[in-house]
Protein backbone atom coordinates (compact mmCIF):
# COMPACT_ATOMS: atom_id res chain seq x y z
CA MET A 1 -73.83 -9.81 4.68
CA THR A 2 -70.07 -10.29 5.02
CA GLN A 3 -69.23 -12.98 7.49
CA LEU A 4 -65.78 -12.71 9.18
CA ASP A 5 -64.14 -14.72 11.92
CA VAL A 6 -61.59 -13.32 14.52
CA LEU A 7 -59.66 -15.46 16.79
CA TYR A 8 -58.24 -14.34 20.15
CA ARG A 9 -55.98 -16.22 22.63
CA TYR A 10 -56.76 -15.66 26.34
CA GLU A 11 -54.57 -16.34 29.43
CA VAL A 12 -56.96 -17.05 32.17
CA PRO A 13 -59.92 -19.37 31.69
CA PRO A 14 -63.16 -17.59 32.08
CA SER A 15 -65.08 -17.62 35.27
CA GLU A 16 -68.58 -18.66 35.40
CA ALA A 17 -69.60 -14.95 35.39
CA THR A 18 -67.22 -14.33 32.51
CA ALA A 19 -68.74 -17.12 30.52
CA LEU A 20 -72.32 -15.89 31.19
CA ALA A 21 -71.24 -12.29 30.09
CA VAL A 22 -69.64 -13.66 26.87
CA GLY A 23 -72.88 -15.75 26.28
CA ARG A 24 -74.84 -12.46 26.31
CA ILE A 25 -72.54 -11.05 23.51
CA ARG A 26 -74.39 -13.53 21.21
CA GLU A 27 -77.45 -11.11 21.58
CA VAL A 28 -75.49 -8.30 19.93
CA TYR A 29 -76.81 -7.76 16.45
CA GLY A 30 -74.26 -8.96 14.08
CA VAL A 31 -72.58 -11.49 16.23
CA ARG A 32 -73.19 -14.84 14.67
CA GLN A 33 -71.32 -17.32 16.73
CA ILE A 34 -68.82 -17.60 19.69
CA ALA A 35 -67.05 -20.83 20.33
CA PHE A 36 -64.26 -21.58 22.86
CA ASP A 37 -61.42 -23.95 22.49
CA GLU A 38 -60.18 -24.61 25.93
CA ALA A 39 -57.13 -26.75 24.93
CA SER A 40 -55.64 -23.88 22.83
CA LYS A 41 -57.13 -21.30 25.10
CA THR A 42 -58.77 -19.38 22.18
CA VAL A 43 -62.16 -18.00 21.38
CA ARG A 44 -63.38 -17.67 17.87
CA VAL A 45 -66.18 -15.10 17.04
CA GLU A 46 -67.94 -15.24 13.80
CA TYR A 47 -69.69 -11.83 12.91
CA ASP A 48 -71.35 -9.88 10.30
CA ALA A 49 -68.87 -7.23 8.96
CA THR A 50 -71.40 -4.97 7.74
CA ARG A 51 -72.65 -4.49 11.32
CA LEU A 52 -69.54 -4.80 13.35
CA ASN A 53 -65.63 -4.67 13.11
CA GLU A 54 -62.84 -6.27 14.77
CA PRO A 55 -62.13 -3.63 17.40
CA MET A 56 -65.70 -3.79 18.35
CA ILE A 57 -65.65 -7.48 18.87
CA HIS A 58 -62.29 -7.04 21.01
CA GLN A 59 -64.19 -4.33 23.08
CA LEU A 60 -67.26 -6.73 23.66
CA LEU A 61 -65.04 -9.61 24.86
CA ARG A 62 -62.90 -7.32 27.18
CA GLY A 63 -65.97 -5.73 28.53
CA ALA A 64 -67.35 -9.26 29.40
CA GLY A 65 -64.20 -9.86 31.34
CA LEU A 66 -62.29 -12.06 29.02
CA ASP A 67 -58.50 -11.80 29.45
CA LEU A 68 -57.39 -11.55 25.87
CA VAL A 69 -53.73 -11.58 25.32
CA GLU A 70 -53.47 -11.73 21.50
CA ARG A 71 -55.28 -11.72 18.23
CA VAL A 72 -54.31 -14.92 16.41
CA VAL A 73 -53.94 -14.55 12.62
CA LEU A 74 -56.15 -16.96 10.89
CA ALA A 75 -54.63 -16.85 7.39
CA ALA A 76 -51.29 -15.33 6.30
CA PRO A 77 -51.38 -12.75 3.61
CA PRO A 78 -50.42 -13.92 0.24
CA GLU A 79 -46.81 -13.67 -0.82
CA PRO A 80 -46.13 -10.73 -3.07
CA VAL A 81 -45.59 -11.65 -6.74
CA PRO A 82 -42.08 -10.65 -7.85
CA ALA A 83 -42.09 -8.13 -10.67
CA ALA A 84 -41.01 -9.63 -14.05
CA GLY A 85 -38.15 -7.63 -15.22
């Protein structure tokens, strides 16, 4: 099992119906955890990358009615090492 996290920023706080629909995403095989941060208007999804991928998670959240505006990069890629020469 390969666990990954993806973080999205949303514009409009979820309605009660949207929150319930997002809660049902937890039942999807491979989704491990969903956590909202209302202060920063973000939702973090932990998932099993052997079962799902990031576009699938995005589609599940959008299908539940969450108004996603951007994916937040959790870690910047490492700086390239300059070639010795």
